[in-house]
Structure formats: structure tokens, C-alpha cells
Amino acid sequence: MGQGGGAQQGDLGAGVRGRFPDELPGGVRPALDVRLSVDGEVMQSDSTADLLFDPVHLVEYVSTVVRLNPGDIIATGTPGGVGHARRPERYLLGGETVVAEIDGIGRLENRVVEEKSA
């Protein structure tokens, strides 16, 4: 458990497993394309060069708050294109395949499962 009784991601074993590069070209602010697609349709697309804070600063700061382990993910926000902000609005209903990709790092693919009402 983390300070104050809250669990930390590393304590819960929630990190991503796999092989990831230790270094990326581009220094502290690499320009890597970031995409999210739903069933093959690109819904969000941006570049890490547009992050408000560079990745090195983010890791440095977050590591002062929680213990970071290999495979941990720091979620910082999202590029434009989220379903609620679209007109018409678009939501995941179940059965869709969602793919998040960052060039030079990797790809995460998930199948959406319909939420069962209680």
C-alpha cells in the first residue's frame, strides 16, 4: 500500500508486460505519432511532440509521488477526438476492437465487452 493507505499501481501489479525501448530518438521531447482507432477507424491522432510536459519531466515528477516499475503507464490525458466531444457523440457499446499505438513503442489492442446492467 502507498502512503495514506491508497494502493499504488506498482503494488497492484497493473503494469504492462513486454519489451519496450529504453531510449527513443528525439531526446526529452521525441516526436512520436500516437493513434487510437476503433474497428480500424482512426478516432484520435497526435504527436508526443505536442505534450504539455516532456516525457522525462513527467517520469521525474511522478516518481516523486509513487514508485514506478518497468511496464507502468503514466496516463496524462488524451488528444482531441473523444467520443463525448464528437458531434454526433460516439460511445463504445461492446464488440468493438480498440487499438492504441505509439510509433517506436508499441501497440495495445483490446476487445470491448458490453457492460451488463445490474
PDB file of N, CA and C in Angstrom:
ATOM      1  N   MET A   1       0.837  -1.183   0.000  1.00  0.00           N
ATOM      2  CA  MET A   1       0.000   0.000   0.000  1.00  0.00           C
ATOM      3  C   MET A   1       0.874   1.234   0.000  1.00  0.00           C
ATOM      4  N   GLY A   2       0.395   2.270  -0.658  1.00  0.00           N
ATOM      5  CA  GLY A   2       1.125   3.521  -0.712  1.00  0.00           C
ATOM      6  C   GLY A   2       0.890   4.342   0.538  1.00  0.00           C
ATOM      7  N   GLN A   3       1.496   5.510   0.590  1.00  0.00           N
ATOM      8  CA  GLN A   3       1.308   6.391   1.732  1.00  0.00           C
ATOM      9  C   GLN A   3      -0.162   6.761   1.823  1.00  0.00           C
ATOM     10  N   GLY A   4      -0.666   6.928   3.026  1.00  0.00           N
ATOM     11  CA  GLY A   4      -2.055   7.303   3.216  1.00  0.00           C
ATOM     12  C   GLY A   4      -3.023   6.159   2.995  1.00  0.00           C
ATOM     13  N   GLY A   5      -2.527   4.934   2.826  1.00  0.00           N
ATOM     14  CA  GLY A   5      -3.402   3.777   2.719  1.00  0.00           C
ATOM     15  C   GLY A   5      -3.876   3.465   1.310  1.00  0.00           C
ATOM     16  N   GLY A   6      -3.610   4.334   0.317  1.00  0.00           N
ATOM     17  CA  GLY A   6      -4.052   4.065  -1.045  1.00  0.00           C
ATOM     18  C   GLY A   6      -3.094   3.125  -1.750  1.00  0.00           C
ATOM     19  N   ALA A   7      -3.630   2.236  -2.559  1.00  0.00           N
ATOM     20  CA  ALA A   7      -2.780   1.310  -3.305  1.00  0.00           C
ATOM     21  C   ALA A   7      -2.125   2.035  -4.461  1.00  0.00           C
ATOM     22  N   GLN A   8      -0.907   1.679  -4.773  1.00  0.00           N
ATOM     23  CA  GLN A   8      -0.199   2.243  -5.910  1.00  0.00           C
ATOM     24  C   GLN A   8      -0.236   1.245  -7.052  1.00  0.00           C
ATOM     25  N   GLN A   9      -0.168   1.751  -8.269  1.00  0.00           N
ATOM     26  CA  GLN A   9      -0.223   0.871  -9.431  1.00  0.00           C
ATOM     27  C   GLN A   9       0.810  -0.235  -9.339  1.00  0.00           C
ATOM     28  N   GLY A  10       2.046   0.097  -8.975  1.00  0.00           N
ATOM     29  CA  GLY A  10       3.094  -0.913  -8.881  1.00  0.00           C
ATOM     30  C   GLY A  10       2.769  -1.975  -7.850  1.00  0.00           C
ATOM     31  N   ASP A  11       2.101  -1.593  -6.765  1.00  0.00           N
ATOM     32  CA  ASP A  11       1.720  -2.542  -5.729  1.00  0.00           C
ATOM     33  C   ASP A  11       0.640  -3.504  -6.220  1.00  0.00           C
ATOM     34  N   LEU A  12      -0.156  -3.061  -7.169  1.00  0.00           N
ATOM     35  CA  LEU A  12      -1.257  -3.882  -7.663  1.00  0.00           C
ATOM     36  C   LEU A  12      -0.855  -4.773  -8.830  1.00  0.00           C
ATOM     37  N   GLY A  13       0.373  -4.609  -9.315  1.00  0.00           N
ATOM     38  CA  GLY A  13       0.820  -5.427 -10.445  1.00  0.00           C
ATOM     39  C   GLY A  13       0.120  -5.078 -11.734  1.00  0.00           C
ATOM     40  N   ALA A  14      -0.279  -3.816 -11.905  1.00  0.00           N
ATOM     41  CA  ALA A  14      -1.063  -3.419 -13.065  1.00  0.00           C
ATOM     42  C   ALA A  14      -0.226  -2.950 -14.243  1.00  0.00           C
ATOM     43  N   GLY A  15       1.085  -3.119 -14.195  1.00  0.00           N
ATOM     44  CA  GLY A  15       1.941  -2.657 -15.286  1.00  0.00           C
ATOM     45  C   GLY A  15       1.759  -3.494 -16.541  1.00  0.00           C
ATOM     46  N   VAL A  16       2.231  -2.946 -17.636  1.00  0.00           N
ATOM     47  CA  VAL A  16       2.187  -3.641 -18.918  1.00  0.00           C
ATOM     48  C   VAL A  16       3.440  -4.489 -19.045  1.00  0.00           C
ATOM     49  N   ARG A  17       3.298  -5.685 -19.536  1.00  0.00           N
ATOM     50  CA  ARG A  17       4.434  -6.571 -19.703  1.00  0.00           C
ATOM     51  C   ARG A  17       4.855  -6.581 -21.171  1.00  0.00           C
ATOM     52  N   GLY A  18       6.109  -6.809 -21.417  1.00  0.00           N
ATOM     53  CA  GLY A  18       6.596  -6.885 -22.793  1.00  0.00           C
ATOM     54  C   GLY A  18       7.947  -6.228 -22.905  1.00  0.00           C
ATOM     55  N   ARG A  19       8.403  -6.094 -24.122  1.00  0.00           N
ATOM     56  CA  ARG A  19       9.706  -5.467 -24.380  1.00  0.00           C
ATOM     57  C   ARG A  19       9.467  -4.066 -24.904  1.00  0.00           C
ATOM     58  N   PHE A  20      10.079  -3.085 -24.256  1.00  0.00           N
ATOM     59  CA  PHE A  20       9.946  -1.698 -24.648  1.00  0.00           C
ATOM     60  C   PHE A  20      11.332  -1.088 -24.744  1.00  0.00           C
ATOM     61  N   PRO A  21      11.515  -0.107 -25.634  1.00  0.00           N
ATOM     62  CA  PRO A  21      12.843   0.500 -25.765  1.00  0.00           C
ATOM     63  C   PRO A  21      13.207   1.296 -24.522  1.00  0.00           C
ATOM     64  N   ASP A  22      14.494   1.274 -24.164  1.00  0.00           N
ATOM     65  CA  ASP A  22      14.980   2.091 -23.057  1.00  0.00           C
ATOM     66  C   ASP A  22      15.161   3.534 -23.479  1.00  0.00           C
ATOM     67  N   GLU A  23      15.505   3.742 -24.715  1.00  0.00           N
ATOM     68  CA  GLU A  23      15.762   5.080 -25.242  1.00  0.00           C
ATOM     69  C   GLU A  23      14.960   5.256 -26.530  1.00  0.00           C
ATOM     70  N   LEU A  24      14.526   6.471 -26.778  1.00  0.00           N
ATOM     71  CA  LEU A  24      13.827   6.790 -28.016  1.00  0.00           C
ATOM     72  C   LEU A  24      14.574   7.909 -28.729  1.00  0.00           C
ATOM     73  N   PRO A  25      14.557   7.916 -30.056  1.00  0.00           N
ATOM     74  CA  PRO A  25      15.192   9.024 -30.758  1.00  0.00           C
ATOM     75  C   PRO A  25      14.427  10.314 -30.477  1.00  0.00           C
ATOM     76  N   GLY A  26      15.123  11.422 -30.386  1.00  0.00           N
ATOM     77  CA  GLY A  26      14.444  12.700 -30.197  1.00  0.00           C
ATOM     78  C   GLY A  26      14.673  13.333 -28.847  1.00  0.00           C
ATOM     79  N   GLY A  27      15.491  12.716 -28.005  1.00  0.00           N
ATOM     80  CA  GLY A  27      15.799  13.327 -26.711  1.00  0.00           C
ATOM     81  C   GLY A  27      14.620  13.362 -25.757  1.00  0.00           C
ATOM     82  N   VAL A  28      14.519  14.441 -24.970  1.00  0.00           N
ATOM     83  CA  VAL A  28      13.481  14.516 -23.943  1.00  0.00           C
ATOM     84  C   VAL A  28      12.103  14.813 -24.522  1.00  0.00           C
ATOM     85  N   ARG A  29      12.034  15.240 -25.766  1.00  0.00           N
ATOM     86  CA  ARG A  29      10.742  15.501 -26.407  1.00  0.00           C
ATOM     87  C   ARG A  29      10.688  14.832 -27.775  1.00  0.00           C
ATOM     88  N   PRO A  30      10.586  13.496 -27.776  1.00  0.00           N
ATOM     89  CA  PRO A  30      10.523  12.806 -29.064  1.00  0.00           C
ATOM     90  C   PRO A  30       9.205  13.109 -29.777  1.00  0.00           C
ATOM     91  N   ALA A  31       9.249  13.142 -31.081  1.00  0.00           N
ATOM     92  CA  ALA A  31       8.043  13.369 -31.881  1.00  0.00           C
ATOM     93  C   ALA A  31       7.568  12.018 -32.414  1.00  0.00           C
ATOM     94  N   LEU A  32       6.751  11.339 -31.615  1.00  0.00           N
ATOM     95  CA  LEU A  32       6.227  10.027 -31.978  1.00  0.00           C
ATOM     96  C   LEU A  32       4.732  10.150 -32.249  1.00  0.00           C
ATOM     97  N   ASP A  33       4.268   9.524 -33.329  1.00  0.00           N
ATOM     98  CA  ASP A  33       2.838   9.555 -33.620  1.00  0.00           C
ATOM     99  C   ASP A  33       2.082   8.679 -32.628  1.00  0.00           C
ATOM    100  N   VAL A  34       0.943   9.191 -32.165  1.00  0.00           N
ATOM    101  CA  VAL A  34       0.062   8.499 -31.224  1.00  0.00           C
ATOM    102  C   VAL A  34      -1.302   8.394 -31.899  1.00  0.00           C
ATOM    103  N   ARG A  35      -1.859   7.170 -31.935  1.00  0.00           N
ATOM    104  CA  ARG A  35      -3.154   6.962 -32.585  1.00  0.00           C
ATOM    105  C   ARG A  35      -4.037   6.053 -31.741  1.00  0.00           C
ATOM    106  N   LEU A  36      -5.336   6.287 -31.852  1.00  0.00           N
ATOM    107  CA  LEU A  36      -6.311   5.378 -31.276  1.00  0.00           C
ATOM    108  C   LEU A  36      -7.361   5.123 -32.347  1.00  0.00           C
ATOM    109  N   SER A  37      -7.611   3.851 -32.618  1.00  0.00           N
ATOM    110  CA  SER A  37      -8.619   3.506 -33.620  1.00  0.00           C
ATOM    111  C   SER A  37      -9.643   2.571 -33.018  1.00  0.00           C
ATOM    112  N   VAL A  38     -10.844   2.648 -33.564  1.00  0.00           N
ATOM    113  CA  VAL A  38     -11.940   1.765 -33.175  1.00  0.00           C
ATOM    114  C   VAL A  38     -12.394   1.051 -34.440  1.00  0.00           C
ATOM    115  N   ASP A  39     -12.271  -0.260 -34.430  1.00  0.00           N
ATOM    116  CA  ASP A  39     -12.616  -1.081 -35.595  1.00  0.00           C
ATOM    117  C   ASP A  39     -11.956  -0.558 -36.871  1.00  0.00           C
ATOM    118  N   GLY A  40     -10.692  -0.151 -36.752  1.00  0.00           N
ATOM    119  CA  GLY A  40      -9.927   0.296 -37.906  1.00  0.00           C
ATOM    120  C   GLY A  40     -10.095   1.764 -38.263  1.00  0.00           C
ATOM    121  N   GLU A  41     -11.051   2.464 -37.671  1.00  0.00           N
ATOM    122  CA  GLU A  41     -11.254   3.893 -37.941  1.00  0.00           C
ATOM    123  C   GLU A  41     -10.451   4.718 -36.939  1.00  0.00           C
ATOM    124  N   VAL A  42      -9.557   5.573 -37.431  1.00  0.00           N
ATOM    125  CA  VAL A  42      -8.753   6.419 -36.540  1.00  0.00           C
ATOM    126  C   VAL A  42      -9.665   7.462 -35.914  1.00  0.00           C
ATOM    127  N   MET A  43      -9.721   7.422 -34.590  1.00  0.00           N
ATOM    128  CA  MET A  43     -10.567   8.349 -33.840  1.00  0.00           C
ATOM    129  C   MET A  43      -9.749   9.480 -33.213  1.00  0.00           C
ATOM    130  N   GLN A  44      -8.498   9.197 -32.880  1.00  0.00           N
ATOM    131  CA  GLN A  44      -7.610  10.181 -32.283  1.00  0.00           C
ATOM    132  C   GLN A  44      -6.227  10.019 -32.909  1.00  0.00           C
ATOM    133  N   SER A  45      -5.574  11.144 -33.163  1.00  0.00           N
ATOM    134  CA  SER A  45      -4.235  11.108 -33.737  1.00  0.00           C
ATOM    135  C   SER A  45      -3.505  12.384 -33.323  1.00  0.00           C
ATOM    136  N   ASP A  46      -2.270  12.233 -32.833  1.00  0.00           N
ATOM    137  CA  ASP A  46      -1.485  13.381 -32.390  1.00  0.00           C
ATOM    138  C   ASP A  46      -0.023  12.970 -32.332  1.00  0.00           C
ATOM    139  N   SER A  47       0.799  13.795 -31.746  1.00  0.00           N
ATOM    140  CA  SER A  47       2.227  13.529 -31.623  1.00  0.00           C
ATOM    141  C   SER A  47       2.670  13.797 -30.191  1.00  0.00           C
ATOM    142  N   THR A  48       3.632  13.006 -29.722  1.00  0.00           N
ATOM    143  CA  THR A  48       4.168  13.256 -28.379  1.00  0.00           C
ATOM    144  C   THR A  48       4.884  14.604 -28.319  1.00  0.00           C
ATOM    145  N   ALA A  49       5.245  15.173 -29.474  1.00  0.00           N
ATOM    146  CA  ALA A  49       5.874  16.497 -29.500  1.00  0.00           C
ATOM    147  C   ALA A  49       4.914  17.571 -28.991  1.00  0.00           C
ATOM    148  N   ASP A  50       3.601  17.271 -28.993  1.00  0.00           N
ATOM    149  CA  ASP A  50       2.604  18.242 -28.549  1.00  0.00           C
ATOM    150  C   ASP A  50       2.237  18.113 -27.075  1.00  0.00           C
ATOM    151  N   LEU A  51       2.902  17.204 -26.344  1.00  0.00           N
ATOM    152  CA  LEU A  51       2.631  17.082 -24.913  1.00  0.00           C
ATOM    153  C   LEU A  51       2.954  18.393 -24.205  1.00  0.00           C
ATOM    154  N   LEU A  52       2.156  18.749 -23.215  1.00  0.00           N
ATOM    155  CA  LEU A  52       2.405  19.967 -22.446  1.00  0.00           C
ATOM    156  C   LEU A  52       3.728  19.858 -21.694  1.00  0.00           C
ATOM    157  N   PHE A  53       4.000  18.681 -21.105  1.00  0.00           N
ATOM    158  CA  PHE A  53       5.259  18.435 -20.394  1.00  0.00           C
ATOM    159  C   PHE A  53       6.005  17.316 -21.114  1.00  0.00           C
ATOM    160  N   ASP A  54       7.320  17.432 -21.206  1.00  0.00           N
ATOM    161  CA  ASP A  54       8.076  16.394 -21.889  1.00  0.00           C
ATOM    162  C   ASP A  54       8.079  15.117 -21.051  1.00  0.00           C
ATOM    163  N   PRO A  55       8.224  13.953 -21.706  1.00  0.00           N
ATOM    164  CA  PRO A  55       8.163  12.667 -21.007  1.00  0.00           C
ATOM    165  C   PRO A  55       9.171  12.536 -19.867  1.00  0.00           C
ATOM    166  N   VAL A  56      10.373  13.061 -20.029  1.00  0.00           N
ATOM    167  CA  VAL A  56      11.371  12.974 -18.963  1.00  0.00           C
ATOM    168  C   VAL A  56      10.891  13.720 -17.726  1.00  0.00           C
ATOM    169  N   HIS A  57      10.345  14.908 -17.904  1.00  0.00           N
ATOM    170  CA  HIS A  57       9.812  15.682 -16.774  1.00  0.00           C
ATOM    171  C   HIS A  57       8.665  14.924 -16.099  1.00  0.00           C
ATOM    172  N   LEU A  58       7.774  14.326 -16.899  1.00  0.00           N
ATOM    173  CA  LEU A  58       6.642  13.580 -16.336  1.00  0.00           C
ATOM    174  C   LEU A  58       7.109  12.422 -15.460  1.00  0.00           C
ATOM    175  N   VAL A  59       8.048  11.632 -15.969  1.00  0.00           N
ATOM    176  CA  VAL A  59       8.558  10.485 -15.201  1.00  0.00           C
ATOM    177  C   VAL A  59       9.263  10.982 -13.937  1.00  0.00           C
ATOM    178  N   GLU A  60      10.044  12.028 -14.082  1.00  0.00           N
ATOM    179  CA  GLU A  60      10.756  12.584 -12.930  1.00  0.00           C
ATOM    180  C   GLU A  60       9.770  13.022 -11.849  1.00  0.00           C
ATOM    181  N   TYR A  61       8.717  13.736 -12.231  1.00  0.00           N
ATOM    182  CA  TYR A  61       7.740  14.220 -11.258  1.00  0.00           C
ATOM    183  C   TYR A  61       6.933  13.070 -10.643  1.00  0.00           C
ATOM    184  N   VAL A  62       6.376  12.213 -11.490  1.00  0.00           N
ATOM    185  CA  VAL A  62       5.527  11.126 -10.991  1.00  0.00           C
ATOM    186  C   VAL A  62       6.309  10.226 -10.043  1.00  0.00           C
ATOM    187  N   SER A  63       7.592  10.021 -10.319  1.00  0.00           N
ATOM    188  CA  SER A  63       8.389   9.142  -9.461  1.00  0.00           C
ATOM    189  C   SER A  63       8.633   9.745  -8.077  1.00  0.00           C
ATOM    190  N   THR A  64       8.341  11.026  -7.895  1.00  0.00           N
ATOM    191  CA  THR A  64       8.424  11.613  -6.547  1.00  0.00           C
ATOM    192  C   THR A  64       7.164  11.320  -5.746  1.00  0.00           C
ATOM    193  N   VAL A  65       6.102  10.878  -6.433  1.00  0.00           N
ATOM    194  CA  VAL A  65       4.810  10.634  -5.782  1.00  0.00           C
ATOM    195  C   VAL A  65       4.552   9.143  -5.573  1.00  0.00           C
ATOM    196  N   VAL A  66       4.892   8.324  -6.569  1.00  0.00           N
ATOM    197  CA  VAL A  66       4.683   6.873  -6.489  1.00  0.00           C
ATOM    198  C   VAL A  66       5.932   6.158  -6.990  1.00  0.00           C
ATOM    199  N   ARG A  67       6.081   4.922  -6.571  1.00  0.00           N
ATOM    200  CA  ARG A  67       7.179   4.098  -7.069  1.00  0.00           C
ATOM    201  C   ARG A  67       6.822   3.620  -8.477  1.00  0.00           C
ATOM    202  N   LEU A  68       7.694   3.862  -9.428  1.00  0.00           N
ATOM    203  CA  LEU A  68       7.483   3.411 -10.800  1.00  0.00           C
ATOM    204  C   LEU A  68       8.295   2.152 -11.059  1.00  0.00           C
ATOM    205  N   ASN A  69       7.687   1.212 -11.737  1.00  0.00           N
ATOM    206  CA  ASN A  69       8.329  -0.045 -12.097  1.00  0.00           C
ATOM    207  C   ASN A  69       8.289  -0.202 -13.611  1.00  0.00           C
ATOM    208  N   PRO A  70       9.169  -1.018 -14.173  1.00  0.00           N
ATOM    209  CA  PRO A  70       9.110  -1.271 -15.613  1.00  0.00           C
ATOM    210  C   PRO A  70       7.719  -1.734 -16.017  1.00  0.00           C
ATOM    211  N   GLY A  71       7.190  -1.146 -17.086  1.00  0.00           N
ATOM    212  CA  GLY A  71       5.865  -1.507 -17.583  1.00  0.00           C
ATOM    213  C   GLY A  71       4.747  -0.628 -17.059  1.00  0.00           C
ATOM    214  N   ASP A  72       5.026   0.232 -16.069  1.00  0.00           N
ATOM    215  CA  ASP A  72       3.992   1.139 -15.574  1.00  0.00           C
ATOM    216  C   ASP A  72       3.621   2.142 -16.665  1.00  0.00           C
ATOM    217  N   ILE A  73       2.384   2.572 -16.645  1.00  0.00           N
ATOM    218  CA  ILE A  73       1.878   3.551 -17.602  1.00  0.00           C
ATOM    219  C   ILE A  73       1.508   4.809 -16.848  1.00  0.00           C
ATOM    220  N   ILE A  74       1.908   5.958 -17.382  1.00  0.00           N
ATOM    221  CA  ILE A  74       1.513   7.251 -16.831  1.00  0.00           C
ATOM    222  C   ILE A  74       0.496   7.829 -17.804  1.00  0.00           C
ATOM    223  N   ALA A  75      -0.760   7.884 -17.407  1.00  0.00           N
ATOM    224  CA  ALA A  75      -1.821   8.425 -18.257  1.00  0.00           C
ATOM    225  C   ALA A  75      -1.889   9.934 -18.040  1.00  0.00           C
ATOM    226  N   THR A  76      -1.741  10.689 -19.117  1.00  0.00           N
ATOM    227  CA  THR A  76      -1.622  12.142 -18.991  1.00  0.00           C
ATOM    228  C   THR A  76      -2.773  12.906 -19.613  1.00  0.00           C
ATOM    229  N   GLY A  77      -3.691  12.252 -20.235  1.00  0.00           N
ATOM    230  CA  GLY A  77      -4.761  12.942 -20.939  1.00  0.00           C
ATOM    231  C   GLY A  77      -4.955  12.299 -22.297  1.00  0.00           C
ATOM    232  N   THR A  78      -5.624  13.001 -23.168  1.00  0.00           N
ATOM    233  CA  THR A  78      -5.978  12.401 -24.444  1.00  0.00           C
ATOM    234  C   THR A  78      -6.014  13.452 -25.547  1.00  0.00           C
ATOM    235  N   PRO A  79      -5.635  13.084 -26.761  1.00  0.00           N
ATOM    236  CA  PRO A  79      -5.778  14.016 -27.888  1.00  0.00           C
ATOM    237  C   PRO A  79      -7.257  14.250 -28.203  1.00  0.00           C
ATOM    238  N   GLY A  80      -7.525  15.266 -28.982  1.00  0.00           N
ATOM    239  CA  GLY A  80      -8.896  15.517 -29.421  1.00  0.00           C
ATOM    240  C   GLY A  80      -9.470  14.320 -30.150  1.00  0.00           C
ATOM    241  N   GLY A  81     -10.790  14.176 -30.077  1.00  0.00           N
ATOM    242  CA  GLY A  81     -11.458  13.097 -30.790  1.00  0.00           C
ATOM    243  C   GLY A  81     -12.213  12.131 -29.898  1.00  0.00           C
ATOM    244  N   VAL A  82     -12.274  12.417 -28.581  1.00  0.00           N
ATOM    245  CA  VAL A  82     -13.001  11.516 -27.681  1.00  0.00           C
ATOM    246  C   VAL A  82     -14.479  11.494 -28.052  1.00  0.00           C
ATOM    247  N   GLY A  83     -15.116  10.373 -27.787  1.00  0.00           N
ATOM    248  CA  GLY A  83     -16.493  10.154 -28.212  1.00  0.00           C
ATOM    249  C   GLY A  83     -17.494  11.172 -27.714  1.00  0.00           C
ATOM    250  N   HIS A  84     -17.363  11.620 -26.465  1.00  0.00           N
ATOM    251  CA  HIS A  84     -18.323  12.563 -25.891  1.00  0.00           C
ATOM    252  C   HIS A  84     -18.244  13.930 -26.574  1.00  0.00           C
ATOM    253  N   ALA A  85     -17.062  14.301 -27.061  1.00  0.00           N
ATOM    254  CA  ALA A  85     -16.881  15.613 -27.689  1.00  0.00           C
ATOM    255  C   ALA A  85     -17.228  15.604 -29.179  1.00  0.00           C
ATOM    256  N   ARG A  86     -17.460  14.442 -29.753  1.00  0.00           N
ATOM    257  CA  ARG A  86     -17.799  14.348 -31.178  1.00  0.00           C
ATOM    258  C   ARG A  86     -19.260  14.738 -31.394  1.00  0.00           C
ATOM    259  N   ARG A  87     -19.549  15.214 -32.597  1.00  0.00           N
ATOM    260  CA  ARG A  87     -20.924  15.511 -32.984  1.00  0.00           C
ATOM    261  C   ARG A  87     -21.207  14.763 -34.270  1.00  0.00           C
ATOM    262  N   PRO A  88     -22.039  13.737 -34.281  1.00  0.00           N
ATOM    263  CA  PRO A  88     -22.758  13.230 -33.110  1.00  0.00           C
ATOM    264  C   PRO A  88     -21.818  12.481 -32.160  1.00  0.00           C
ATOM    265  N   GLU A  89     -22.231  12.404 -30.904  1.00  0.00           N
ATOM    266  CA  GLU A  89     -21.433  11.696 -29.899  1.00  0.00           C
ATOM    267  C   GLU A  89     -21.304  10.228 -30.279  1.00  0.00           C
ATOM    268  N   ARG A  90     -20.158   9.629 -29.921  1.00  0.00           N
ATOM    269  CA  ARG A  90     -19.934   8.211 -30.201  1.00  0.00           C
ATOM    270  C   ARG A  90     -19.404   7.538 -28.950  1.00  0.00           C
ATOM    271  N   TYR A  91     -20.001   6.410 -28.615  1.00  0.00           N
ATOM    272  CA  TYR A  91     -19.599   5.663 -27.428  1.00  0.00           C
ATOM    273  C   TYR A  91     -19.334   4.205 -27.798  1.00  0.00           C
ATOM    274  N   LEU A  92     -18.502   3.559 -27.001  1.00  0.00           N
ATOM    275  CA  LEU A  92     -18.241   2.137 -27.186  1.00  0.00           C
ATOM    276  C   LEU A  92     -19.404   1.363 -26.574  1.00  0.00           C
ATOM    277  N   LEU A  93     -19.949   0.418 -27.326  1.00  0.00           N
ATOM    278  CA  LEU A  93     -21.127  -0.316 -26.870  1.00  0.00           C
ATOM    279  C   LEU A  93     -20.827  -1.762 -26.523  1.00  0.00           C
ATOM    280  N   GLY A  94     -19.791  -2.307 -27.094  1.00  0.00           N
ATOM    281  CA  GLY A  94     -19.446  -3.713 -26.896  1.00  0.00           C
ATOM    282  C   GLY A  94     -19.249  -4.373 -28.244  1.00  0.00           C
ATOM    283  N   GLY A  95     -18.193  -5.156 -28.336  1.00  0.00           N
ATOM    284  CA  GLY A  95     -17.875  -5.846 -29.579  1.00  0.00           C
ATOM    285  C   GLY A  95     -16.830  -5.135 -30.420  1.00  0.00           C
ATOM    286  N   GLU A  96     -16.554  -3.860 -30.131  1.00  0.00           N
ATOM    287  CA  GLU A  96     -15.558  -3.128 -30.904  1.00  0.00           C
ATOM    288  C   GLU A  96     -14.141  -3.553 -30.505  1.00  0.00           C
ATOM    289  N   THR A  97     -13.207  -3.359 -31.436  1.00  0.00           N
ATOM    290  CA  THR A  97     -11.792  -3.556 -31.160  1.00  0.00           C
ATOM    291  C   THR A  97     -11.139  -2.181 -31.118  1.00  0.00           C
ATOM    292  N   VAL A  98     -10.488  -1.877 -29.997  1.00  0.00           N
ATOM    293  CA  VAL A  98      -9.828  -0.588 -29.800  1.00  0.00           C
ATOM    294  C   VAL A  98      -8.324  -0.823 -29.825  1.00  0.00           C
ATOM    295  N   VAL A  99      -7.623  -0.058 -30.655  1.00  0.00           N
ATOM    296  CA  VAL A  99      -6.178  -0.181 -30.783  1.00  0.00           C
ATOM    297  C   VAL A  99      -5.541   1.171 -30.468  1.00  0.00           C
ATOM    298  N   ALA A 100      -4.626   1.186 -29.487  1.00  0.00           N
ATOM    299  CA  ALA A 100      -3.822   2.365 -29.165  1.00  0.00           C
ATOM    300  C   ALA A 100      -2.395   2.072 -29.587  1.00  0.00           C
ATOM    301  N   GLU A 101      -1.781   3.007 -30.334  1.00  0.00           N
ATOM    302  CA  GLU A 101      -0.432   2.802 -30.851  1.00  0.00           C
ATOM    303  C   GLU A 101       0.425   4.037 -30.638  1.00  0.00           C
ATOM    304  N   ILE A 102       1.678   3.820 -30.297  1.00  0.00           N
ATOM    305  CA  ILE A 102       2.677   4.877 -30.273  1.00  0.00           C
ATOM    306  C   ILE A 102       3.848   4.369 -31.095  1.00  0.00           C
ATOM    307  N   ASP A 103       4.159   5.080 -32.178  1.00  0.00           N
ATOM    308  CA  ASP A 103       5.255   4.661 -33.053  1.00  0.00           C
ATOM    309  C   ASP A 103       6.542   4.516 -32.257  1.00  0.00           C
ATOM    310  N   GLY A 104       7.262   3.437 -32.496  1.00  0.00           N
ATOM    311  CA  GLY A 104       8.525   3.197 -31.831  1.00  0.00           C
ATOM    312  C   GLY A 104       8.394   2.564 -30.461  1.00  0.00           C
ATOM    313  N   ILE A 105       7.174   2.492 -29.936  1.00  0.00           N
ATOM    314  CA  ILE A 105       6.964   1.891 -28.609  1.00  0.00           C
ATOM    315  C   ILE A 105       6.128   0.626 -28.723  1.00  0.00           C
ATOM    316  N   GLY A 106       4.956   0.723 -29.323  1.00  0.00           N
ATOM    317  CA  GLY A 106       4.153  -0.479 -29.458  1.00  0.00           C
ATOM    318  C   GLY A 106       2.688  -0.209 -29.677  1.00  0.00           C
ATOM    319  N   ARG A 107       1.937  -1.284 -29.535  1.00  0.00           N
ATOM    320  CA  ARG A 107       0.505  -1.290 -29.858  1.00  0.00           C
ATOM    321  C   ARG A 107      -0.228  -2.088 -28.784  1.00  0.00           C
ATOM    322  N   LEU A 108      -1.372  -1.567 -28.351  1.00  0.00           N
ATOM    323  CA  LEU A 108      -2.211  -2.235 -27.368  1.00  0.00           C
ATOM    324  C   LEU A 108      -3.584  -2.421 -27.992  1.00  0.00           C
ATOM    325  N   GLU A 109      -4.040  -3.670 -28.065  1.00  0.00           N
ATOM    326  CA  GLU A 109      -5.322  -3.972 -28.698  1.00  0.00           C
ATOM    327  C   GLU A 109      -6.254  -4.617 -27.682  1.00  0.00           C
ATOM    328  N   ASN A 110      -7.476  -4.098 -27.592  1.00  0.00           N
ATOM    329  CA  ASN A 110      -8.465  -4.623 -26.655  1.00  0.00           C
ATOM    330  C   ASN A 110      -9.817  -4.761 -27.333  1.00  0.00           C
ATOM    331  N   ARG A 111     -10.518  -5.801 -26.977  1.00  0.00           N
ATOM    332  CA  ARG A 111     -11.896  -6.011 -27.435  1.00  0.00           C
ATOM    333  C   ARG A 111     -12.817  -5.497 -26.333  1.00  0.00           C
ATOM    334  N   VAL A 112     -13.796  -4.655 -26.703  1.00  0.00           N
ATOM    335  CA  VAL A 112     -14.720  -4.066 -25.741  1.00  0.00           C
ATOM    336  C   VAL A 112     -15.809  -5.079 -25.422  1.00  0.00           C
ATOM    337  N   VAL A 113     -16.089  -5.245 -24.128  1.00  0.00           N
ATOM    338  CA  VAL A 113     -17.128  -6.164 -23.672  1.00  0.00           C
ATOM    339  C   VAL A 113     -18.317  -5.339 -23.209  1.00  0.00           C
ATOM    340  N   GLU A 114     -19.491  -5.702 -23.676  1.00  0.00           N
ATOM    341  CA  GLU A 114     -20.705  -4.977 -23.300  1.00  0.00           C
ATOM    342  C   GLU A 114     -20.914  -5.049 -21.795  1.00  0.00           C
ATOM    343  N   GLU A 115     -21.234  -3.905 -21.211  1.00  0.00           N
ATOM    344  CA  GLU A 115     -21.489  -3.863 -19.764  1.00  0.00           C
ATOM    345  C   GLU A 115     -22.879  -4.409 -19.492  1.00  0.00           C
ATOM    346  N   LYS A 116     -22.951  -5.345 -18.562  1.00  0.00           N
ATOM    347  CA  LYS A 116     -24.239  -5.931 -18.176  1.00  0.00           C
ATOM    348  C   LYS A 116     -24.874  -5.082 -17.093  1.00  0.00           C
ATOM    349  N   SER A 117     -26.143  -4.758 -17.242  1.00  0.00           N
ATOM    350  CA  SER A 117     -26.813  -3.966 -16.204  1.00  0.00           C
ATOM    351  C   SER A 117     -27.146  -4.845 -15.020  1.00  0.00           C
ATOM    352  N   ALA A 118     -27.170  -4.213 -13.853  1.00  0.00           N
ATOM    353  CA  ALA A 118     -27.374  -4.952 -12.602  1.00  0.00           C
ATOM    354  C   ALA A 118     -28.796  -5.381 -12.398  1.00  0.00           C
TER     355      ALA A 118
END
